[in-house]
PDB file of N, CA and C in Angstrom:
ATOM      1  N   MET A   1     -24.140   4.754 -17.861  1.00  0.00           N
ATOM      2  CA  MET A   1     -23.249   5.497 -17.067  1.00  0.00           C
ATOM      3  C   MET A   1     -21.669   5.427 -17.620  1.00  0.00           C
ATOM      4  N   GLU A   2     -21.135   6.685 -17.583  1.00  0.00           N
ATOM      5  CA  GLU A   2     -19.924   6.932 -18.056  1.00  0.00           C
ATOM      6  C   GLU A   2     -19.063   6.388 -16.839  1.00  0.00           C
ATOM      7  N   GLU A   3     -17.808   5.587 -17.003  1.00  0.00           N
ATOM      8  CA  GLU A   3     -16.779   5.412 -16.160  1.00  0.00           C
ATOM      9  C   GLU A   3     -15.711   6.285 -16.190  1.00  0.00           C
ATOM     10  N   LYS A   4     -15.533   6.775 -14.868  1.00  0.00           N
ATOM     11  CA  LYS A   4     -14.261   7.903 -14.819  1.00  0.00           C
ATOM     12  C   LYS A   4     -12.960   7.019 -14.753  1.00  0.00           C
ATOM     13  N   GLU A   5     -11.838   7.588 -15.060  1.00  0.00           N
ATOM     14  CA  GLU A   5     -10.547   7.164 -14.898  1.00  0.00           C
ATOM     15  C   GLU A   5     -10.133   7.139 -13.217  1.00  0.00           C
ATOM     16  N   LEU A   6      -9.849   6.137 -12.675  1.00  0.00           N
ATOM     17  CA  LEU A   6      -9.243   6.344 -11.412  1.00  0.00           C
ATOM     18  C   LEU A   6      -8.137   7.139 -11.149  1.00  0.00           C
ATOM     19  N   THR A   7      -8.141   7.804 -10.109  1.00  0.00           N
ATOM     20  CA  THR A   7      -7.038   8.651  -9.636  1.00  0.00           C
ATOM     21  C   THR A   7      -5.967   7.644  -8.940  1.00  0.00           C
ATOM     22  N   ILE A   8      -4.882   7.987  -8.635  1.00  0.00           N
ATOM     23  CA  ILE A   8      -4.086   7.365  -7.920  1.00  0.00           C
ATOM     24  C   ILE A   8      -4.385   7.240  -6.272  1.00  0.00           C
ATOM     25  N   ARG A   9      -4.928   8.291  -6.073  1.00  0.00           N
ATOM     26  CA  ARG A   9      -5.609   8.283  -4.724  1.00  0.00           C
ATOM     27  C   ARG A   9      -6.917   7.364  -4.468  1.00  0.00           C
ATOM     28  N   ASP A  10      -7.764   7.190  -5.655  1.00  0.00           N
ATOM     29  CA  ASP A  10      -8.758   6.351  -5.763  1.00  0.00           C
ATOM     30  C   ASP A  10      -8.499   4.836  -5.578  1.00  0.00           C
ATOM     31  N   VAL A  11      -7.310   4.365  -6.352  1.00  0.00           N
ATOM     32  CA  VAL A  11      -6.740   3.412  -6.272  1.00  0.00           C
ATOM     33  C   VAL A  11      -6.206   2.969  -5.157  1.00  0.00           C
ATOM     34  N   ILE A  12      -5.668   3.776  -4.424  1.00  0.00           N
ATOM     35  CA  ILE A  12      -5.050   3.457  -3.118  1.00  0.00           C
ATOM     36  C   ILE A  12      -5.940   3.439  -2.033  1.00  0.00           C
ATOM     37  N   TYR A  13      -6.959   4.359  -2.225  1.00  0.00           N
ATOM     38  CA  TYR A  13      -8.147   4.278  -1.103  1.00  0.00           C
ATOM     39  C   TYR A  13      -8.960   2.812  -1.210  1.00  0.00           C
ATOM     40  N   ARG A  14      -9.133   2.435  -2.436  1.00  0.00           N
ATOM     41  CA  ARG A  14      -9.725   1.353  -3.040  1.00  0.00           C
ATOM     42  C   ARG A  14      -8.865   0.030  -2.279  1.00  0.00           C
ATOM     43  N   ASP A  15      -7.897  -0.019  -2.970  1.00  0.00           N
ATOM     44  CA  ASP A  15      -7.195  -1.364  -2.443  1.00  0.00           C
ATOM     45  C   ASP A  15      -6.891  -1.327  -0.960  1.00  0.00           C
ATOM     46  N   MET A  16      -6.493  -0.259  -0.368  1.00  0.00           N
ATOM     47  CA  MET A  16      -6.371  -0.260   1.267  1.00  0.00           C
ATOM     48  C   MET A  16      -7.272  -0.685   1.989  1.00  0.00           C
ATOM     49  N   ASP A  17      -8.896   0.048   1.634  1.00  0.00           N
ATOM     50  CA  ASP A  17     -10.181  -0.623   2.054  1.00  0.00           C
ATOM     51  C   ASP A  17     -10.300  -1.943   1.754  1.00  0.00           C
ATOM     52  N   ALA A  18      -9.946  -2.535   0.776  1.00  0.00           N
ATOM     53  CA  ALA A  18     -10.118  -4.010   0.321  1.00  0.00           C
ATOM     54  C   ALA A  18      -9.305  -4.995   1.265  1.00  0.00           C
ATOM     55  N   MET A  19      -7.970  -4.528   1.432  1.00  0.00           N
ATOM     56  CA  MET A  19      -7.139  -5.336   2.197  1.00  0.00           C
ATOM     57  C   MET A  19      -7.460  -5.300   3.585  1.00  0.00           C
ATOM     58  N   ILE A  20      -7.673  -3.821   4.330  1.00  0.00           N
ATOM     59  CA  ILE A  20      -7.867  -3.964   5.811  1.00  0.00           C
ATOM     60  C   ILE A  20      -9.199  -4.644   5.886  1.00  0.00           C
ATOM     61  N   MET A  21     -10.277  -4.845   5.191  1.00  0.00           N
ATOM     62  CA  MET A  21     -11.711  -5.171   5.382  1.00  0.00           C
ATOM     63  C   MET A  21     -11.365  -6.734   5.347  1.00  0.00           C
ATOM     64  N   ALA A  22     -10.430  -7.193   4.411  1.00  0.00           N
ATOM     65  CA  ALA A  22     -10.246  -8.891   4.410  1.00  0.00           C
ATOM     66  C   ALA A  22      -9.494  -9.068   5.475  1.00  0.00           C
ATOM     67  N   LYS A  23      -8.564  -8.383   5.965  1.00  0.00           N
ATOM     68  CA  LYS A  23      -7.971  -8.659   7.255  1.00  0.00           C
ATOM     69  C   LYS A  23      -8.831  -8.796   8.430  1.00  0.00           C
ATOM     70  N   LEU A  24      -9.511  -7.861   8.519  1.00  0.00           N
ATOM     71  CA  LEU A  24     -10.597  -7.666   9.588  1.00  0.00           C
ATOM     72  C   LEU A  24     -11.459  -8.944   9.559  1.00  0.00           C
ATOM     73  N   LYS A  25     -11.941  -9.286   8.258  1.00  0.00           N
ATOM     74  CA  LYS A  25     -12.684 -10.574   8.100  1.00  0.00           C
ATOM     75  C   LYS A  25     -12.356 -11.707   8.739  1.00  0.00           C
ATOM     76  N   ASN A  26     -10.822 -11.810   8.366  1.00  0.00           N
ATOM     77  CA  ASN A  26      -9.938 -13.033   8.812  1.00  0.00           C
ATOM     78  C   ASN A  26      -9.602 -13.099  10.167  1.00  0.00           C
ATOM     79  N   ASP A  27      -9.134 -12.054  10.823  1.00  0.00           N
ATOM     80  CA  ASP A  27      -8.718 -12.048  11.958  1.00  0.00           C
ATOM     81  C   ASP A  27      -9.495 -11.181  13.153  1.00  0.00           C
ATOM     82  N   GLY A  28     -10.413 -10.603  12.631  1.00  0.00           N
ATOM     83  CA  GLY A  28     -11.268  -9.795  13.600  1.00  0.00           C
ATOM     84  C   GLY A  28     -10.501  -8.516  14.131  1.00  0.00           C
ATOM     85  N   LYS A  29      -9.321  -8.229  13.804  1.00  0.00           N
ATOM     86  CA  LYS A  29      -8.443  -7.304  14.136  1.00  0.00           C
ATOM     87  C   LYS A  29      -7.593  -6.851  13.218  1.00  0.00           C
ATOM     88  N   ILE A  30      -6.995  -5.619  13.240  1.00  0.00           N
ATOM     89  CA  ILE A  30      -5.824  -5.318  12.567  1.00  0.00           C
ATOM     90  C   ILE A  30      -4.948  -4.355  13.469  1.00  0.00           C
ATOM     91  N   SER A  31      -3.689  -4.828  13.278  1.00  0.00           N
ATOM     92  CA  SER A  31      -2.724  -3.879  14.436  1.00  0.00           C
ATOM     93  C   SER A  31      -2.079  -3.017  13.169  1.00  0.00           C
ATOM     94  N   ILE A  32      -1.297  -2.004  13.926  1.00  0.00           N
ATOM     95  CA  ILE A  32      -0.425  -1.121  13.533  1.00  0.00           C
ATOM     96  C   ILE A  32       0.544  -1.742  12.312  1.00  0.00           C
ATOM     97  N   ASP A  33       1.219  -2.994  12.985  1.00  0.00           N
ATOM     98  CA  ASP A  33       2.027  -3.747  12.139  1.00  0.00           C
ATOM     99  C   ASP A  33       1.587  -4.058  10.833  1.00  0.00           C
ATOM    100  N   ASP A  34       0.243  -4.629  11.066  1.00  0.00           N
ATOM    101  CA  ASP A  34      -0.447  -5.256   9.595  1.00  0.00           C
ATOM    102  C   ASP A  34      -0.828  -4.011   8.997  1.00  0.00           C
ATOM    103  N   LEU A  35      -1.066  -2.868   9.329  1.00  0.00           N
ATOM    104  CA  LEU A  35      -1.481  -1.663   8.473  1.00  0.00           C
ATOM    105  C   LEU A  35      -0.089  -1.367   7.669  1.00  0.00           C
ATOM    106  N   ILE A  36       0.944  -1.392   8.552  1.00  0.00           N
ATOM    107  CA  ILE A  36       2.387  -0.847   7.796  1.00  0.00           C
ATOM    108  C   ILE A  36       2.658  -1.862   6.823  1.00  0.00           C
ATOM    109  N   ASP A  37       2.537  -3.203   7.027  1.00  0.00           N
ATOM    110  CA  ASP A  37       2.762  -4.124   5.907  1.00  0.00           C
ATOM    111  C   ASP A  37       1.870  -4.023   4.786  1.00  0.00           C
ATOM    112  N   ILE A  38       0.989  -3.872   4.952  1.00  0.00           N
ATOM    113  CA  ILE A  38      -0.182  -3.763   3.850  1.00  0.00           C
ATOM    114  C   ILE A  38       0.150  -2.503   3.040  1.00  0.00           C
ATOM    115  N   ALA A  39       0.268  -1.399   3.625  1.00  0.00           N
ATOM    116  CA  ALA A  39       0.527  -0.051   3.112  1.00  0.00           C
ATOM    117  C   ALA A  39       1.873  -0.229   2.328  1.00  0.00           C
ATOM    118  N   SER A  40       3.031  -0.906   2.905  1.00  0.00           N
ATOM    119  CA  SER A  40       4.337  -1.031   2.155  1.00  0.00           C
ATOM    120  C   SER A  40       4.211  -1.907   1.110  1.00  0.00           C
ATOM    121  N   TYR A  41       3.434  -2.893   0.907  1.00  0.00           N
ATOM    122  CA  TYR A  41       3.417  -3.861  -0.203  1.00  0.00           C
ATOM    123  C   TYR A  41       2.876  -2.862  -1.130  1.00  0.00           C
ATOM    124  N   LEU A  42       1.703  -2.241  -0.956  1.00  0.00           N
ATOM    125  CA  LEU A  42       0.790  -1.599  -1.621  1.00  0.00           C
ATOM    126  C   LEU A  42       1.733  -0.642  -2.335  1.00  0.00           C
ATOM    127  N   ALA A  43       2.435   0.318  -1.674  1.00  0.00           N
ATOM    128  CA  ALA A  43       3.359   1.309  -2.078  1.00  0.00           C
ATOM    129  C   ALA A  43       4.228   0.593  -3.085  1.00  0.00           C
ATOM    130  N   ALA A  44       4.834  -0.217  -2.537  1.00  0.00           N
ATOM    131  CA  ALA A  44       5.892  -0.968  -3.816  1.00  0.00           C
ATOM    132  C   ALA A  44       5.289  -1.482  -4.798  1.00  0.00           C
ATOM    133  N   GLY A  45       4.344  -2.164  -4.828  1.00  0.00           N
ATOM    134  CA  GLY A  45       3.624  -2.632  -5.732  1.00  0.00           C
ATOM    135  C   GLY A  45       3.130  -1.423  -6.929  1.00  0.00           C
ATOM    136  N   LEU A  46       2.858  -0.447  -6.533  1.00  0.00           N
ATOM    137  CA  LEU A  46       2.393   0.872  -7.369  1.00  0.00           C
ATOM    138  C   LEU A  46       3.926   1.429  -7.761  1.00  0.00           C
ATOM    139  N   PHE A  47       4.851   1.427  -6.987  1.00  0.00           N
ATOM    140  CA  PHE A  47       6.010   1.925  -7.573  1.00  0.00           C
ATOM    141  C   PHE A  47       6.675   1.082  -8.599  1.00  0.00           C
ATOM    142  N   ARG A  48       6.385  -0.329  -8.503  1.00  0.00           N
ATOM    143  CA  ARG A  48       6.807  -1.520  -9.699  1.00  0.00           C
ATOM    144  C   ARG A  48       6.025  -1.010 -11.009  1.00  0.00           C
ATOM    145  N   LYS A  49       4.622  -1.070 -10.819  1.00  0.00           N
ATOM    146  CA  LYS A  49       3.774  -1.041 -11.994  1.00  0.00           C
ATOM    147  C   LYS A  49       4.069   0.305 -12.500  1.00  0.00           C
ATOM    148  N   ARG A  50       4.480   1.320 -11.973  1.00  0.00           N
ATOM    149  CA  ARG A  50       4.741   2.702 -12.729  1.00  0.00           C
ATOM    150  C   ARG A  50       6.108   2.541 -13.445  1.00  0.00           C
ATOM    151  N   TRP A  51       6.989   1.789 -12.772  1.00  0.00           N
ATOM    152  CA  TRP A  51       8.459   1.429 -13.595  1.00  0.00           C
ATOM    153  C   TRP A  51       8.205   0.724 -14.647  1.00  0.00           C
ATOM    154  N   GLN A  52       7.344  -0.167 -14.609  1.00  0.00           N
ATOM    155  CA  GLN A  52       7.134  -0.867 -15.984  1.00  0.00           C
ATOM    156  C   GLN A  52       6.580  -0.275 -16.680  1.00  0.00           C
ATOM    157  N   GLN A  53       5.449   0.448 -16.486  1.00  0.00           N
ATOM    158  CA  GLN A  53       4.797   1.477 -17.568  1.00  0.00           C
ATOM    159  C   GLN A  53       5.637   2.367 -18.135  1.00  0.00           C
ATOM    160  N   LYS A  54       6.535   2.931 -17.512  1.00  0.00           N
ATOM    161  CA  LYS A  54       7.240   4.168 -17.818  1.00  0.00           C
ATOM    162  C   LYS A  54       8.770   3.899 -17.982  1.00  0.00           C
ATOM    163  N   GLY A  55       9.263   3.027 -17.325  1.00  0.00           N
ATOM    164  CA  GLY A  55      10.573   2.630 -17.306  1.00  0.00           C
ATOM    165  C   GLY A  55      11.381   3.783 -16.362  1.00  0.00           C
ATOM    166  N   GLU A  56      10.511   4.515 -15.755  1.00  0.00           N
ATOM    167  CA  GLU A  56      11.103   5.203 -14.560  1.00  0.00           C
ATOM    168  C   GLU A  56      10.290   5.631 -13.542  1.00  0.00           C
ATOM    169  N   LEU A  57      10.693   6.101 -12.472  1.00  0.00           N
ATOM    170  CA  LEU A  57       9.993   6.543 -11.469  1.00  0.00           C
ATOM    171  C   LEU A  57      10.436   7.665 -10.892  1.00  0.00           C
ATOM    172  N   THR A  58       9.455   9.017 -11.179  1.00  0.00           N
ATOM    173  CA  THR A  58      10.140  10.120 -10.372  1.00  0.00           C
ATOM    174  C   THR A  58       9.868  10.341  -8.812  1.00  0.00           C
ATOM    175  N   ASP A  59      10.633  11.215  -8.276  1.00  0.00           N
ATOM    176  CA  ASP A  59      10.490  11.594  -6.808  1.00  0.00           C
ATOM    177  C   ASP A  59       9.103  11.988  -6.640  1.00  0.00           C
ATOM    178  N   GLY A  60       8.522  12.775  -7.710  1.00  0.00           N
ATOM    179  CA  GLY A  60       7.041  13.405  -7.617  1.00  0.00           C
ATOM    180  C   GLY A  60       6.001  12.037  -7.416  1.00  0.00           C
ATOM    181  N   GLU A  61       6.540  10.984  -8.029  1.00  0.00           N
ATOM    182  CA  GLU A  61       5.298  10.312  -8.001  1.00  0.00           C
ATOM    183  C   GLU A  61       5.388   9.347  -7.082  1.00  0.00           C
ATOM    184  N   VAL A  62       6.581   9.067  -6.552  1.00  0.00           N
ATOM    185  CA  VAL A  62       6.835   8.315  -5.021  1.00  0.00           C
ATOM    186  C   VAL A  62       6.025   8.984  -4.142  1.00  0.00           C
ATOM    187  N   ASN A  63       6.305  10.573  -4.269  1.00  0.00           N
ATOM    188  CA  ASN A  63       5.905  11.309  -3.037  1.00  0.00           C
ATOM    189  C   ASN A  63       4.123  11.167  -3.173  1.00  0.00           C
ATOM    190  N   VAL A  64       3.536  11.345  -4.324  1.00  0.00           N
ATOM    191  CA  VAL A  64       2.049  11.103  -4.305  1.00  0.00           C
ATOM    192  C   VAL A  64       1.599   9.741  -3.946  1.00  0.00           C
ATOM    193  N   VAL A  65       2.223   8.846  -4.082  1.00  0.00           N
ATOM    194  CA  VAL A  65       1.821   7.450  -3.522  1.00  0.00           C
ATOM    195  C   VAL A  65       1.993   7.354  -2.112  1.00  0.00           C
ATOM    196  N   LEU A  66       3.076   7.827  -1.579  1.00  0.00           N
ATOM    197  CA  LEU A  66       3.416   7.696  -0.101  1.00  0.00           C
ATOM    198  C   LEU A  66       2.372   8.666   0.575  1.00  0.00           C
ATOM    199  N   GLY A  67       2.292   9.904   0.172  1.00  0.00           N
ATOM    200  CA  GLY A  67       1.430  10.979   0.833  1.00  0.00           C
ATOM    201  C   GLY A  67       0.028  10.305   0.831  1.00  0.00           C
ATOM    202  N   ASN A  68      -0.498  10.003  -0.150  1.00  0.00           N
ATOM    203  CA  ASN A  68      -1.930   9.363  -0.242  1.00  0.00           C
ATOM    204  C   ASN A  68      -2.225   8.215   0.568  1.00  0.00           C
ATOM    205  N   ILE A  69      -1.179   7.347   0.717  1.00  0.00           N
ATOM    206  CA  ILE A  69      -1.066   6.373   1.759  1.00  0.00           C
ATOM    207  C   ILE A  69      -1.160   6.828   3.094  1.00  0.00           C
ATOM    208  N   GLY A  70      -0.384   7.490   3.444  1.00  0.00           N
ATOM    209  CA  GLY A  70      -0.148   8.437   4.559  1.00  0.00           C
ATOM    210  C   GLY A  70      -1.408   8.869   4.880  1.00  0.00           C
ATOM    211  N   ASP A  71      -2.175   9.784   4.096  1.00  0.00           N
ATOM    212  CA  ASP A  71      -3.364  10.230   4.098  1.00  0.00           C
ATOM    213  C   ASP A  71      -4.655   9.444   4.693  1.00  0.00           C
ATOM    214  N   PHE A  72      -4.641   8.129   3.856  1.00  0.00           N
ATOM    215  CA  PHE A  72      -5.346   6.964   4.266  1.00  0.00           C
ATOM    216  C   PHE A  72      -5.355   6.636   5.620  1.00  0.00           C
ATOM    217  N   CYS A  73      -4.038   6.286   5.853  1.00  0.00           N
ATOM    218  CA  CYS A  73      -3.699   5.752   7.467  1.00  0.00           C
ATOM    219  C   CYS A  73      -4.206   6.727   8.371  1.00  0.00           C
ATOM    220  N   HIS A  74      -3.857   7.952   8.108  1.00  0.00           N
ATOM    221  CA  HIS A  74      -4.096   8.988   9.078  1.00  0.00           C
ATOM    222  C   HIS A  74      -5.900   9.113   9.640  1.00  0.00           C
ATOM    223  N   GLU A  75      -6.335   9.050   8.158  1.00  0.00           N
ATOM    224  CA  GLU A  75      -7.860   9.506   8.166  1.00  0.00           C
ATOM    225  C   GLU A  75      -8.601   8.137   8.666  1.00  0.00           C
ATOM    226  N   HIS A  76      -8.078   7.058   8.616  1.00  0.00           N
ATOM    227  CA  HIS A  76      -8.650   5.851   9.252  1.00  0.00           C
ATOM    228  C   HIS A  76      -8.152   5.216  10.753  1.00  0.00           C
ATOM    229  N   PHE A  77      -6.963   5.667  11.077  1.00  0.00           N
ATOM    230  CA  PHE A  77      -6.373   5.148  12.227  1.00  0.00           C
ATOM    231  C   PHE A  77      -6.312   6.553  13.109  1.00  0.00           C
ATOM    232  N   GLY A  78      -6.245   7.688  12.744  1.00  0.00           N
ATOM    233  CA  GLY A  78      -6.088   8.839  13.574  1.00  0.00           C
ATOM    234  C   GLY A  78      -4.749   8.750  14.211  1.00  0.00           C
ATOM    235  N   GLU A  79      -4.745   9.281  15.501  1.00  0.00           N
ATOM    236  CA  GLU A  79      -3.348   9.456  16.383  1.00  0.00           C
ATOM    237  C   GLU A  79      -3.052   7.827  16.561  1.00  0.00           C
ATOM    238  N   ASN A  80      -3.389   6.982  16.207  1.00  0.00           N
ATOM    239  CA  ASN A  80      -3.014   5.518  16.138  1.00  0.00           C
ATOM    240  C   ASN A  80      -1.860   5.173  15.356  1.00  0.00           C
ATOM    241  N   PHE A  81      -1.988   6.115  14.299  1.00  0.00           N
ATOM    242  CA  PHE A  81      -0.858   6.153  13.174  1.00  0.00           C
ATOM    243  C   PHE A  81      -0.187   7.271  13.429  1.00  0.00           C
ATOM    244  N   THR A  82       1.353   6.863  13.484  1.00  0.00           N
ATOM    245  CA  THR A  82       2.063   8.071  13.942  1.00  0.00           C
ATOM    246  C   THR A  82       3.065   8.299  12.820  1.00  0.00           C
ATOM    247  N   GLN A  83       3.956   9.563  12.869  1.00  0.00           N
ATOM    248  CA  GLN A  83       4.997   9.724  12.080  1.00  0.00           C
ATOM    249  C   GLN A  83       6.074   8.718  11.711  1.00  0.00           C
ATOM    250  N   ASN A  84       6.322   7.883  12.928  1.00  0.00           N
ATOM    251  CA  ASN A  84       7.163   6.867  13.050  1.00  0.00           C
ATOM    252  C   ASN A  84       6.676   5.516  12.060  1.00  0.00           C
ATOM    253  N   ASP A  85       5.225   5.678  12.022  1.00  0.00           N
ATOM    254  CA  ASP A  85       4.997   4.459  11.328  1.00  0.00           C
ATOM    255  C   ASP A  85       4.779   4.818   9.639  1.00  0.00           C
ATOM    256  N   TYR A  86       4.421   6.087   9.709  1.00  0.00           N
ATOM    257  CA  TYR A  86       4.726   6.398   8.013  1.00  0.00           C
ATOM    258  C   TYR A  86       6.029   6.286   7.631  1.00  0.00           C
ATOM    259  N   ASP A  87       7.148   6.650   8.666  1.00  0.00           N
ATOM    260  CA  ASP A  87       8.430   6.419   8.234  1.00  0.00           C
ATOM    261  C   ASP A  87       8.798   5.124   7.821  1.00  0.00           C
ATOM    262  N   LYS A  88       8.231   4.075   8.685  1.00  0.00           N
ATOM    263  CA  LYS A  88       8.295   2.783   8.410  1.00  0.00           C
ATOM    264  C   LYS A  88       8.143   2.095   7.058  1.00  0.00           C
ATOM    265  N   ILE A  89       6.798   2.689   6.566  1.00  0.00           N
ATOM    266  CA  ILE A  89       6.140   2.268   5.431  1.00  0.00           C
ATOM    267  C   ILE A  89       7.047   3.065   4.167  1.00  0.00           C
ATOM    268  N   VAL A  90       7.648   4.228   4.321  1.00  0.00           N
ATOM    269  CA  VAL A  90       8.656   4.658   3.370  1.00  0.00           C
ATOM    270  C   VAL A  90       9.622   3.671   3.273  1.00  0.00           C
ATOM    271  N   LYS A  91      10.211   3.477   4.385  1.00  0.00           N
ATOM    272  CA  LYS A  91      11.545   2.686   4.348  1.00  0.00           C
ATOM    273  C   LYS A  91      11.346   1.093   3.837  1.00  0.00           C
ATOM    274  N   ILE A  92      10.173   0.462   4.340  1.00  0.00           N
ATOM    275  CA  ILE A  92       9.972  -0.841   3.982  1.00  0.00           C
ATOM    276  C   ILE A  92       9.541  -0.942   2.334  1.00  0.00           C
ATOM    277  N   SER A  93       8.818  -0.239   2.130  1.00  0.00           N
ATOM    278  CA  SER A  93       8.459  -0.057   0.755  1.00  0.00           C
ATOM    279  C   SER A  93       9.571  -0.046  -0.439  1.00  0.00           C
ATOM    280  N   LYS A  94      10.595   0.483  -0.247  1.00  0.00           N
ATOM    281  CA  LYS A  94      11.926   0.702  -0.914  1.00  0.00           C
ATOM    282  C   LYS A  94      12.499  -0.220  -0.838  1.00  0.00           C
ATOM    283  N   LEU A  95      12.702  -0.936   0.425  1.00  0.00           N
ATOM    284  CA  LEU A  95      13.548  -2.411   0.647  1.00  0.00           C
ATOM    285  C   LEU A  95      12.943  -3.465   0.034  1.00  0.00           C
ATOM    286  N   LEU A  96      11.346  -3.623  -0.185  1.00  0.00           N
ATOM    287  CA  LEU A  96      10.824  -4.431  -0.534  1.00  0.00           C
ATOM    288  C   LEU A  96      11.240  -4.766  -2.083  1.00  0.00           C
ATOM    289  N   LEU A  97      11.403  -3.758  -2.847  1.00  0.00           N
ATOM    290  CA  LEU A  97      11.675  -3.196  -4.312  1.00  0.00           C
ATOM    291  C   LEU A  97      13.122  -3.958  -4.671  1.00  0.00           C
ATOM    292  N   GLN A  98      13.988  -3.926  -3.803  1.00  0.00           N
ATOM    293  CA  GLN A  98      15.213  -4.337  -3.741  1.00  0.00           C
ATOM    294  C   GLN A  98      15.335  -5.806  -3.596  1.00  0.00           C
ATOM    295  N   LYS A  99      14.306  -6.535  -3.325  1.00  0.00           N
ATOM    296  CA  LYS A  99      14.225  -7.828  -3.186  1.00  0.00           C
ATOM    297  C   LYS A  99      14.253  -8.599  -4.612  1.00  0.00           C
ATOM    298  N   PRO A 100      14.770  -9.479  -5.098  1.00  0.00           N
ATOM    299  CA  PRO A 100      14.716 -10.086  -6.283  1.00  0.00           C
ATOM    300  C   PRO A 100      13.146 -10.760  -6.505  1.00  0.00           C
ATOM    301  N   THR A 101      12.718 -11.184  -5.227  1.00  0.00           N
ATOM    302  CA  THR A 101      11.828 -12.038  -5.394  1.00  0.00           C
ATOM    303  C   THR A 101      10.437 -11.146  -4.988  1.00  0.00           C
ATOM    304  N   PHE A 102      10.559  -9.804  -5.074  1.00  0.00           N
ATOM    305  CA  PHE A 102       9.452  -8.792  -4.858  1.00  0.00           C
ATOM    306  C   PHE A 102       8.240  -9.432  -5.383  1.00  0.00           C
ATOM    307  N   ASP A 103       7.945  -9.580  -6.638  1.00  0.00           N
ATOM    308  CA  ASP A 103       6.736  -9.946  -7.361  1.00  0.00           C
ATOM    309  C   ASP A 103       6.250 -11.004  -6.973  1.00  0.00           C
ATOM    310  N   ASP A 104       6.685 -12.044  -6.754  1.00  0.00           N
ATOM    311  CA  ASP A 104       6.388 -13.327  -6.139  1.00  0.00           C
ATOM    312  C   ASP A 104       5.820 -13.033  -4.704  1.00  0.00           C
ATOM    313  N   ASP A 105       6.723 -12.349  -4.063  1.00  0.00           N
ATOM    314  CA  ASP A 105       6.431 -12.030  -2.455  1.00  0.00           C
ATOM    315  C   ASP A 105       5.172 -11.365  -2.465  1.00  0.00           C
ATOM    316  N   SER A 106       5.010 -10.096  -3.298  1.00  0.00           N
ATOM    317  CA  SER A 106       3.923  -9.413  -2.974  1.00  0.00           C
ATOM    318  C   SER A 106       2.765 -10.133  -3.502  1.00  0.00           C
ATOM    319  N   GLN A 107       2.700 -10.699  -4.673  1.00  0.00           N
ATOM    320  CA  GLN A 107       1.372 -11.977  -4.725  1.00  0.00           C
ATOM    321  C   GLN A 107       1.143 -12.802  -3.696  1.00  0.00           C
ATOM    322  N   SER A 108       1.917 -13.296  -3.118  1.00  0.00           N
ATOM    323  CA  SER A 108       1.684 -14.235  -1.790  1.00  0.00           C
ATOM    324  C   SER A 108       1.285 -13.471  -0.955  1.00  0.00           C
ATOM    325  N   PHE A 109       1.743 -12.461  -0.299  1.00  0.00           N
ATOM    326  CA  PHE A 109       1.228 -11.574   0.586  1.00  0.00           C
ATOM    327  C   PHE A 109      -0.071 -10.957   0.389  1.00  0.00           C
ATOM    328  N   PHE A 110      -0.490 -10.723  -0.836  1.00  0.00           N
ATOM    329  CA  PHE A 110      -2.126 -10.420  -0.976  1.00  0.00           C
ATOM    330  C   PHE A 110      -3.043 -11.234  -0.828  1.00  0.00           C
ATOM    331  N   GLU A 111      -2.603 -12.426  -1.737  1.00  0.00           N
ATOM    332  CA  GLU A 111      -3.273 -13.722  -2.032  1.00  0.00           C
ATOM    333  C   GLU A 111      -3.445 -14.194  -0.437  1.00  0.00           C
ATOM    334  N   ASP A 112      -2.760 -14.217   0.491  1.00  0.00           N
ATOM    335  CA  ASP A 112      -2.694 -14.765   1.865  1.00  0.00           C
ATOM    336  C   ASP A 112      -3.785 -13.871   2.651  1.00  0.00           C
ATOM    337  N   ILE A 113      -3.811 -12.771   2.532  1.00  0.00           N
ATOM    338  CA  ILE A 113      -4.990 -12.012   3.185  1.00  0.00           C
ATOM    339  C   ILE A 113      -6.376 -12.299   2.439  1.00  0.00           C
ATOM    340  N   LEU A 114      -6.406 -12.273   1.356  1.00  0.00           N
ATOM    341  CA  LEU A 114      -7.604 -12.312   0.487  1.00  0.00           C
ATOM    342  C   LEU A 114      -8.139 -13.905   0.711  1.00  0.00           C
ATOM    343  N   LYS A 115      -7.240 -14.835   0.801  1.00  0.00           N
ATOM    344  CA  LYS A 115      -7.855 -16.168   0.718  1.00  0.00           C
ATOM    345  C   LYS A 115      -8.375 -16.705   2.173  1.00  0.00           C
ATOM    346  N   LYS A 116      -7.918 -16.282   3.169  1.00  0.00           N
ATOM    347  CA  LYS A 116      -8.117 -16.653   4.385  1.00  0.00           C
ATOM    348  C   LYS A 116      -9.692 -16.751   4.707  1.00  0.00           C
TER     349      LYS A 116
END
């Protein structure tokens, strides 16, 4: 069977599903704040990876990542996920990248969810 290359949408949906399922397995619930944190770290991680690959990150690439994350959250959380929540993801993901410890913080954040 031939493997197809994953689109950014596929990667986002796969990773968001995996993190949310791990969080639910650990805690039995997920709050909107948990969702915002997961989405923010995932977005920032994708921005960082793209920057490392190309040495640049276009507004279009940022919009594709954030748009797909917003779609995922809206599809899975419906009206519980608001425009204000999306705006928080946009802001937090960009702030995370400004931290000199982002790479280590991100790794710790995801490992904490997956190891519990």
